[in-house]
PDB file of N, CA and C in Angstrom:
ATOM      1  N   UNK A   1       0.834  -1.167   0.000  1.00  0.00           N
ATOM      2  CA  UNK A   1       0.000   0.000   0.000  1.00  0.00           C
ATOM      3  C   UNK A   1       0.890   1.245   0.000  1.00  0.00           C
ATOM      4  N   UNK A   2       0.488   2.249  -0.748  1.00  0.00           N
ATOM      5  CA  UNK A   2       1.261   3.489  -0.811  1.00  0.00           C
ATOM      6  C   UNK A   2       0.781   4.452   0.269  1.00  0.00           C
ATOM      7  N   UNK A   3       1.649   4.723   1.226  1.00  0.00           N
ATOM      8  CA  UNK A   3       1.321   5.659   2.292  1.00  0.00           C
ATOM      9  C   UNK A   3       2.327   6.805   2.263  1.00  0.00           C
ATOM     10  N   UNK A   4       1.913   7.952   2.715  1.00  0.00           N
ATOM     11  CA  UNK A   4       2.760   9.144   2.695  1.00  0.00           C
ATOM     12  C   UNK A   4       4.088   8.871   3.379  1.00  0.00           C
ATOM     13  N   UNK A   5       5.168   9.315   2.755  1.00  0.00           N
ATOM     14  CA  UNK A   5       6.504   9.151   3.296  1.00  0.00           C
ATOM     15  C   UNK A   5       7.184   7.856   2.910  1.00  0.00           C
ATOM     16  N   UNK A   6       6.449   6.921   2.301  1.00  0.00           N
ATOM     17  CA  UNK A   6       7.040   5.638   1.919  1.00  0.00           C
ATOM     18  C   UNK A   6       8.072   5.850   0.822  1.00  0.00           C
ATOM     19  N   UNK A   7       9.198   5.151   0.945  1.00  0.00           N
ATOM     20  CA  UNK A   7      10.270   5.216  -0.052  1.00  0.00           C
ATOM     21  C   UNK A   7      10.112   4.044  -1.002  1.00  0.00           C
ATOM     22  N   UNK A   8      10.221   4.315  -2.282  1.00  0.00           N
ATOM     23  CA  UNK A   8      10.117   3.284  -3.305  1.00  0.00           C
ATOM     24  C   UNK A   8      11.403   3.252  -4.122  1.00  0.00           C
ATOM     25  N   UNK A   9      11.694   2.124  -4.707  1.00  0.00           N
ATOM     26  CA  UNK A   9      12.863   1.970  -5.573  1.00  0.00           C
ATOM     27  C   UNK A   9      12.402   2.001  -7.024  1.00  0.00           C
ATOM     28  N   UNK A  10      13.186   2.653  -7.875  1.00  0.00           N
ATOM     29  CA  UNK A  10      12.879   2.743  -9.305  1.00  0.00           C
ATOM     30  C   UNK A  10      13.961   1.985 -10.064  1.00  0.00           C
ATOM     31  N   UNK A  11      13.543   1.092 -10.967  1.00  0.00           N
ATOM     32  CA  UNK A  11      14.463   0.253 -11.717  1.00  0.00           C
ATOM     33  C   UNK A  11      14.209   0.339 -13.212  1.00  0.00           C
ATOM     34  N   UNK A  12      15.250   0.091 -13.969  1.00  0.00           N
ATOM     35  CA  UNK A  12      15.149  -0.183 -15.396  1.00  0.00           C
ATOM     36  C   UNK A  12      15.488  -1.658 -15.520  1.00  0.00           C
ATOM     37  N   UNK A  13      14.610  -2.444 -16.152  1.00  0.00           N
ATOM     38  CA  UNK A  13      14.818  -3.886 -16.268  1.00  0.00           C
ATOM     39  C   UNK A  13      15.127  -4.215 -17.719  1.00  0.00           C
ATOM     40  N   UNK A  14      16.292  -4.790 -17.935  1.00  0.00           N
ATOM     41  CA  UNK A  14      16.724  -5.165 -19.281  1.00  0.00           C
ATOM     42  C   UNK A  14      16.786  -6.680 -19.371  1.00  0.00           C
ATOM     43  N   UNK A  15      16.342  -7.210 -20.503  1.00  0.00           N
ATOM     44  CA  UNK A  15      16.419  -8.649 -20.727  1.00  0.00           C
ATOM     45  C   UNK A  15      17.765  -8.977 -21.353  1.00  0.00           C
ATOM     46  N   UNK A  16      18.470  -9.935 -20.772  1.00  0.00           N
ATOM     47  CA  UNK A  16      19.766 -10.364 -21.277  1.00  0.00           C
ATOM     48  C   UNK A  16      19.770 -11.859 -21.506  1.00  0.00           C
ATOM     49  N   UNK A  17      20.878 -12.379 -21.990  1.00  0.00           N
ATOM     50  CA  UNK A  17      20.988 -13.813 -22.263  1.00  0.00           C
ATOM     51  C   UNK A  17      20.827 -14.651 -20.998  1.00  0.00           C
ATOM     52  N   UNK A  18      21.319 -14.144 -19.876  1.00  0.00           N
ATOM     53  CA  UNK A  18      21.258 -14.880 -18.618  1.00  0.00           C
ATOM     54  C   UNK A  18      20.018 -14.593 -17.798  1.00  0.00           C
ATOM     55  N   UNK A  19      19.084 -13.804 -18.294  1.00  0.00           N
ATOM     56  CA  UNK A  19      17.881 -13.450 -17.544  1.00  0.00           C
ATOM     57  C   UNK A  19      17.713 -11.945 -17.479  1.00  0.00           C
ATOM     58  N   UNK A  20      16.924 -11.501 -16.557  1.00  0.00           N
ATOM     59  CA  UNK A  20      16.654 -10.077 -16.398  1.00  0.00           C
ATOM     60  C   UNK A  20      17.790  -9.385 -15.656  1.00  0.00           C
ATOM     61  N   UNK A  21      18.099  -8.161 -16.076  1.00  0.00           N
ATOM     62  CA  UNK A  21      19.105  -7.354 -15.405  1.00  0.00           C
ATOM     63  C   UNK A  21      18.389  -6.150 -14.804  1.00  0.00           C
ATOM     64  N   UNK A  22      18.396  -6.060 -13.476  1.00  0.00           N
ATOM     65  CA  UNK A  22      17.735  -4.965 -12.764  1.00  0.00           C
ATOM     66  C   UNK A  22      18.771  -3.892 -12.467  1.00  0.00           C
ATOM     67  N   UNK A  23      18.569  -2.698 -12.987  1.00  0.00           N
ATOM     68  CA  UNK A  23      19.478  -1.586 -12.754  1.00  0.00           C
ATOM     69  C   UNK A  23      18.736  -0.529 -11.947  1.00  0.00           C
ATOM     70  N   UNK A  24      19.284  -0.164 -10.804  1.00  0.00           N
ATOM     71  CA  UNK A  24      18.658   0.858  -9.968  1.00  0.00           C
ATOM     72  C   UNK A  24      18.733   2.182 -10.698  1.00  0.00           C
ATOM     73  N   UNK A  25      17.584   2.780 -10.982  1.00  0.00           N
ATOM     74  CA  UNK A  25      17.523   4.029 -11.741  1.00  0.00           C
ATOM     75  C   UNK A  25      17.270   5.235 -10.845  1.00  0.00           C
ATOM     76  N   UNK A  26      16.823   5.015  -9.608  1.00  0.00           N
ATOM     77  CA  UNK A  26      16.558   6.123  -8.708  1.00  0.00           C
ATOM     78  C   UNK A  26      15.618   5.725  -7.585  1.00  0.00           C
ATOM     79  N   UNK A  27      14.936   6.728  -7.025  1.00  0.00           N
ATOM     80  CA  UNK A  27      14.009   6.521  -5.913  1.00  0.00           C
ATOM     81  C   UNK A  27      12.730   7.303  -6.156  1.00  0.00           C
ATOM     82  N   UNK A  28      11.688   6.907  -5.466  1.00  0.00           N
ATOM     83  CA  UNK A  28      10.421   7.635  -5.509  1.00  0.00           C
ATOM     84  C   UNK A  28       9.894   7.738  -4.087  1.00  0.00           C
ATOM     85  N   UNK A  29       9.132   8.797  -3.834  1.00  0.00           N
ATOM     86  CA  UNK A  29       8.569   9.023  -2.515  1.00  0.00           C
ATOM     87  C   UNK A  29       7.088   9.340  -2.657  1.00  0.00           C
ATOM     88  N   UNK A  30       6.280   8.788  -1.751  1.00  0.00           N
ATOM     89  CA  UNK A  30       4.838   9.003  -1.783  1.00  0.00           C
ATOM     90  C   UNK A  30       4.506  10.288  -1.029  1.00  0.00           C
ATOM     91  N   UNK A  31       3.733  11.153  -1.676  1.00  0.00           N
ATOM     92  CA  UNK A  31       3.283  12.404  -1.057  1.00  0.00           C
ATOM     93  C   UNK A  31       2.010  12.185  -0.248  1.00  0.00           C
ATOM     94  N   UNK A  32       1.622  13.175   0.549  1.00  0.00           N
ATOM     95  CA  UNK A  32       0.423  13.084   1.381  1.00  0.00           C
ATOM     96  C   UNK A  32      -0.837  12.806   0.567  1.00  0.00           C
ATOM     97  N   UNK A  33      -0.892  13.328  -0.673  1.00  0.00           N
ATOM     98  CA  UNK A  33      -2.088  13.138  -1.504  1.00  0.00           C
ATOM     99  C   UNK A  33      -2.035  11.857  -2.335  1.00  0.00           C
ATOM    100  N   UNK A  34      -1.009  11.008  -2.116  1.00  0.00           N
ATOM    101  CA  UNK A  34      -0.895   9.745  -2.824  1.00  0.00           C
ATOM    102  C   UNK A  34      -0.116   9.837  -4.130  1.00  0.00           C
ATOM    103  N   UNK A  35       0.257  11.041  -4.536  1.00  0.00           N
ATOM    104  CA  UNK A  35       1.060  11.200  -5.748  1.00  0.00           C
ATOM    105  C   UNK A  35       2.512  10.828  -5.441  1.00  0.00           C
ATOM    106  N   UNK A  36       3.334  10.738  -6.476  1.00  0.00           N
ATOM    107  CA  UNK A  36       4.725  10.337  -6.311  1.00  0.00           C
ATOM    108  C   UNK A  36       5.688  11.414  -6.783  1.00  0.00           C
ATOM    109  N   UNK A  37       6.797  11.549  -6.099  1.00  0.00           N
ATOM    110  CA  UNK A  37       7.949  12.302  -6.584  1.00  0.00           C
ATOM    111  C   UNK A  37       8.972  11.256  -6.990  1.00  0.00           C
ATOM    112  N   UNK A  38       9.448  11.317  -8.228  1.00  0.00           N
ATOM    113  CA  UNK A  38      10.416  10.359  -8.734  1.00  0.00           C
ATOM    114  C   UNK A  38      11.727  11.080  -8.998  1.00  0.00           C
ATOM    115  N   UNK A  39      12.803  10.574  -8.404  1.00  0.00           N
ATOM    116  CA  UNK A  39      14.138  11.154  -8.553  1.00  0.00           C
ATOM    117  C   UNK A  39      15.008  10.135  -9.286  1.00  0.00           C
ATOM    118  N   UNK A  40      15.388  10.445 -10.529  1.00  0.00           N
ATOM    119  CA  UNK A  40      16.159   9.512 -11.335  1.00  0.00           C
ATOM    120  C   UNK A  40      17.646   9.851 -11.305  1.00  0.00           C
ATOM    121  N   UNK A  41      18.468   8.808 -11.204  1.00  0.00           N
ATOM    122  CA  UNK A  41      19.918   8.940 -11.288  1.00  0.00           C
ATOM    123  C   UNK A  41      20.397   8.608 -12.696  1.00  0.00           C
ATOM    124  N   UNK A  42      19.611   7.825 -13.423  1.00  0.00           N
ATOM    125  CA  UNK A  42      19.919   7.430 -14.797  1.00  0.00           C
ATOM    126  C   UNK A  42      18.621   7.442 -15.598  1.00  0.00           C
ATOM    127  N   UNK A  43      18.753   7.447 -16.910  1.00  0.00           N
ATOM    128  CA  UNK A  43      17.593   7.364 -17.787  1.00  0.00           C
ATOM    129  C   UNK A  43      17.562   5.983 -18.432  1.00  0.00           C
ATOM    130  N   UNK A  44      16.379   5.366 -18.519  1.00  0.00           N
ATOM    131  CA  UNK A  44      16.300   4.040 -19.132  1.00  0.00           C
ATOM    132  C   UNK A  44      16.468   4.129 -20.652  1.00  0.00           C
ATOM    133  N   UNK A  45      17.135   3.154 -21.241  1.00  0.00           N
ATOM    134  CA  UNK A  45      17.352   3.137 -22.681  1.00  0.00           C
ATOM    135  C   UNK A  45      16.053   2.928 -23.455  1.00  0.00           C
ATOM    136  N   UNK A  46      15.132   2.149 -22.883  1.00  0.00           N
ATOM    137  CA  UNK A  46      13.887   1.836 -23.583  1.00  0.00           C
ATOM    138  C   UNK A  46      12.705   2.700 -23.133  1.00  0.00           C
ATOM    139  N   UNK A  47      12.937   3.651 -22.231  1.00  0.00           N
ATOM    140  CA  UNK A  47      11.872   4.531 -21.773  1.00  0.00           C
ATOM    141  C   UNK A  47      10.946   3.924 -20.735  1.00  0.00           C
ATOM    142  N   UNK A  48      11.242   2.711 -20.260  1.00  0.00           N
ATOM    143  CA  UNK A  48      10.386   2.028 -19.283  1.00  0.00           C
ATOM    144  C   UNK A  48      11.049   2.009 -17.912  1.00  0.00           C
ATOM    145  N   UNK A  49      10.230   2.222 -16.894  1.00  0.00           N
ATOM    146  CA  UNK A  49      10.698   2.158 -15.509  1.00  0.00           C
ATOM    147  C   UNK A  49       9.785   1.251 -14.705  1.00  0.00           C
ATOM    148  N   UNK A  50      10.336   0.629 -13.684  1.00  0.00           N
ATOM    149  CA  UNK A  50       9.580  -0.243 -12.782  1.00  0.00           C
ATOM    150  C   UNK A  50       9.738   0.334 -11.378  1.00  0.00           C
ATOM    151  N   UNK A  51       8.614   0.570 -10.686  1.00  0.00           N
ATOM    152  CA  UNK A  51       8.640   1.137  -9.337  1.00  0.00           C
ATOM    153  C   UNK A  51       8.071   0.103  -8.370  1.00  0.00           C
ATOM    154  N   UNK A  52       8.791  -0.128  -7.273  1.00  0.00           N
ATOM    155  CA  UNK A  52       8.315  -1.063  -6.245  1.00  0.00           C
ATOM    156  C   UNK A  52       8.806  -0.609  -4.880  1.00  0.00           C
ATOM    157  N   UNK A  53       8.219  -1.188  -3.840  1.00  0.00           N
ATOM    158  CA  UNK A  53       8.662  -0.852  -2.493  1.00  0.00           C
ATOM    159  C   UNK A  53      10.138  -1.209  -2.378  1.00  0.00           C
ATOM    160  N   UNK A  54      10.899  -0.343  -1.733  1.00  0.00           N
ATOM    161  CA  UNK A  54      12.332  -0.567  -1.569  1.00  0.00           C
ATOM    162  C   UNK A  54      12.566  -1.806  -0.722  1.00  0.00           C
ATOM    163  N   UNK A  55      13.409  -2.702  -1.204  1.00  0.00           N
ATOM    164  CA  UNK A  55      13.713  -3.945  -0.492  1.00  0.00           C
ATOM    165  C   UNK A  55      14.754  -3.689   0.585  1.00  0.00           C
ATOM    166  N   UNK A  56      14.692  -4.470   1.621  1.00  0.00           N
ATOM    167  CA  UNK A  56      15.660  -4.365   2.697  1.00  0.00           C
ATOM    168  C   UNK A  56      16.856  -5.272   2.475  1.00  0.00           C
ATOM    169  N   UNK A  57      16.694  -6.289   1.613  1.00  0.00           N
ATOM    170  CA  UNK A  57      17.804  -7.192   1.341  1.00  0.00           C
ATOM    171  C   UNK A  57      17.831  -7.541  -0.133  1.00  0.00           C
ATOM    172  N   UNK A  58      18.950  -8.083  -0.587  1.00  0.00           N
ATOM    173  CA  UNK A  58      19.170  -8.334  -2.007  1.00  0.00           C
ATOM    174  C   UNK A  58      18.213  -9.357  -2.589  1.00  0.00           C
ATOM    175  N   UNK A  59      17.900 -10.436  -1.887  1.00  0.00           N
ATOM    176  CA  UNK A  59      17.049 -11.498  -2.409  1.00  0.00           C
ATOM    177  C   UNK A  59      15.587 -11.240  -2.103  1.00  0.00           C
ATOM    178  N   UNK A  60      15.091 -10.106  -2.534  1.00  0.00           N
ATOM    179  CA  UNK A  60      13.698  -9.743  -2.294  1.00  0.00           C
ATOM    180  C   UNK A  60      12.781 -10.560  -3.189  1.00  0.00           C
ATOM    181  N   UNK A  61      11.532 -10.816  -2.763  1.00  0.00           N
ATOM    182  CA  UNK A  61      10.586 -11.549  -3.592  1.00  0.00           C
ATOM    183  C   UNK A  61      10.406 -10.875  -4.945  1.00  0.00           C
ATOM    184  N   UNK A  62      10.317 -11.692  -5.993  1.00  0.00           N
ATOM    185  CA  UNK A  62      10.106 -11.171  -7.327  1.00  0.00           C
ATOM    186  C   UNK A  62      11.385 -10.807  -8.050  1.00  0.00           C
ATOM    187  N   UNK A  63      12.532 -10.952  -7.386  1.00  0.00           N
ATOM    188  CA  UNK A  63      13.787 -10.587  -8.017  1.00  0.00           C
ATOM    189  C   UNK A  63      14.682 -11.792  -8.242  1.00  0.00           C
ATOM    190  N   UNK A  64      14.189 -12.991  -7.976  1.00  0.00           N
ATOM    191  CA  UNK A  64      15.019 -14.163  -8.182  1.00  0.00           C
ATOM    192  C   UNK A  64      15.057 -14.529  -9.654  1.00  0.00           C
ATOM    193  N   UNK A  65      16.105 -15.203 -10.049  1.00  0.00           N
ATOM    194  CA  UNK A  65      16.232 -15.647 -11.425  1.00  0.00           C
ATOM    195  C   UNK A  65      16.873 -14.631 -12.343  1.00  0.00           C
ATOM    196  N   UNK A  66      17.221 -13.467 -11.838  1.00  0.00           N
ATOM    197  CA  UNK A  66      17.845 -12.464 -12.696  1.00  0.00           C
ATOM    198  C   UNK A  66      19.044 -11.848 -12.010  1.00  0.00           C
ATOM    199  N   UNK A  67      19.831 -11.131 -12.789  1.00  0.00           N
ATOM    200  CA  UNK A  67      20.950 -10.406 -12.204  1.00  0.00           C
ATOM    201  C   UNK A  67      20.424  -9.077 -11.715  1.00  0.00           C
ATOM    202  N   UNK A  68      21.088  -8.535 -10.701  1.00  0.00           N
ATOM    203  CA  UNK A  68      20.533  -7.388  -9.993  1.00  0.00           C
ATOM    204  C   UNK A  68      21.648  -6.462  -9.569  1.00  0.00           C
ATOM    205  N   UNK A  69      21.500  -5.172  -9.811  1.00  0.00           N
ATOM    206  CA  UNK A  69      22.528  -4.215  -9.393  1.00  0.00           C
ATOM    207  C   UNK A  69      21.873  -2.969  -8.841  1.00  0.00           C
ATOM    208  N   UNK A  70      22.365  -2.476  -7.736  1.00  0.00           N
ATOM    209  CA  UNK A  70      21.980  -1.157  -7.312  1.00  0.00           C
ATOM    210  C   UNK A  70      21.184  -0.993  -6.049  1.00  0.00           C
ATOM    211  N   UNK A  71      20.376  -1.921  -5.621  1.00  0.00           N
ATOM    212  CA  UNK A  71      19.482  -1.677  -4.485  1.00  0.00           C
ATOM    213  C   UNK A  71      20.245  -1.366  -3.209  1.00  0.00           C
ATOM    214  N   UNK A  72      21.333  -2.082  -2.958  1.00  0.00           N
ATOM    215  CA  UNK A  72      22.070  -1.861  -1.722  1.00  0.00           C
ATOM    216  C   UNK A  72      23.392  -1.155  -1.960  1.00  0.00           C
ATOM    217  N   UNK A  73      23.434  -0.339  -3.012  1.00  0.00           N
ATOM    218  CA  UNK A  73      24.650   0.380  -3.309  1.00  0.00           C
ATOM    219  C   UNK A  73      25.680  -0.487  -4.007  1.00  0.00           C
ATOM    220  N   UNK A  74      25.243  -1.606  -4.584  1.00  0.00           N
ATOM    221  CA  UNK A  74      26.162  -2.478  -5.290  1.00  0.00           C
ATOM    222  C   UNK A  74      26.584  -1.811  -6.588  1.00  0.00           C
ATOM    223  N   UNK A  75      27.850  -1.831  -6.878  1.00  0.00           N
ATOM    224  CA  UNK A  75      28.357  -1.247  -8.107  1.00  0.00           C
ATOM    225  C   UNK A  75      28.699  -2.345  -9.100  1.00  0.00           C
ATOM    226  N   UNK A  76      27.756  -3.224  -9.367  1.00  0.00           N
ATOM    227  CA  UNK A  76      27.986  -4.326 -10.294  1.00  0.00           C
ATOM    228  C   UNK A  76      27.931  -3.827 -11.718  1.00  0.00           C
ATOM    229  N   UNK A  77      28.899  -4.234 -12.544  1.00  0.00           N
ATOM    230  CA  UNK A  77      28.857  -3.815 -13.942  1.00  0.00           C
ATOM    231  C   UNK A  77      27.686  -4.464 -14.651  1.00  0.00           C
ATOM    232  N   UNK A  78      26.987  -3.691 -15.476  1.00  0.00           N
ATOM    233  CA  UNK A  78      25.820  -4.191 -16.181  1.00  0.00           C
ATOM    234  C   UNK A  78      25.952  -3.832 -17.651  1.00  0.00           C
ATOM    235  N   UNK A  79      27.127  -3.998 -18.228  1.00  0.00           N
ATOM    236  CA  UNK A  79      27.334  -3.741 -19.640  1.00  0.00           C
ATOM    237  C   UNK A  79      27.404  -2.256 -19.943  1.00  0.00           C
ATOM    238  N   UNK A  80      27.588  -1.930 -21.210  1.00  0.00           N
ATOM    239  CA  UNK A  80      27.679  -0.540 -21.611  1.00  0.00           C
ATOM    240  C   UNK A  80      29.055   0.029 -21.368  1.00  0.00           C
ATOM    241  N   UNK A  81      29.167   1.317 -21.467  1.00  0.00           N
ATOM    242  CA  UNK A  81      30.435   2.007 -21.283  1.00  0.00           C
ATOM    243  C   UNK A  81      30.591   2.468 -19.855  1.00  0.00           C
ATOM    244  N   UNK A  82      31.824   2.530 -19.393  1.00  0.00           N
ATOM    245  CA  UNK A  82      32.054   3.017 -18.034  1.00  0.00           C
ATOM    246  C   UNK A  82      32.579   4.410 -18.034  1.00  0.00           C
TER     247      UNK A  82
END
């Protein structure tokens, strides 16, 4: 449920040969009126973003089976240029 002050995680999800690659794109915060403020650190290549409640640990439900970078400050390389 979205309640005021709740912190959400914003991801860009890319499909790769080994499965889904989750890249942390930023954060979102729920306002008192239920609207969202979204703060992006990166822009998605395909224009799509996924927003979910921020996980407390790396193996959060719904994230198994894919590679994952960013939720806990992980600096895992996810292709592209550095």
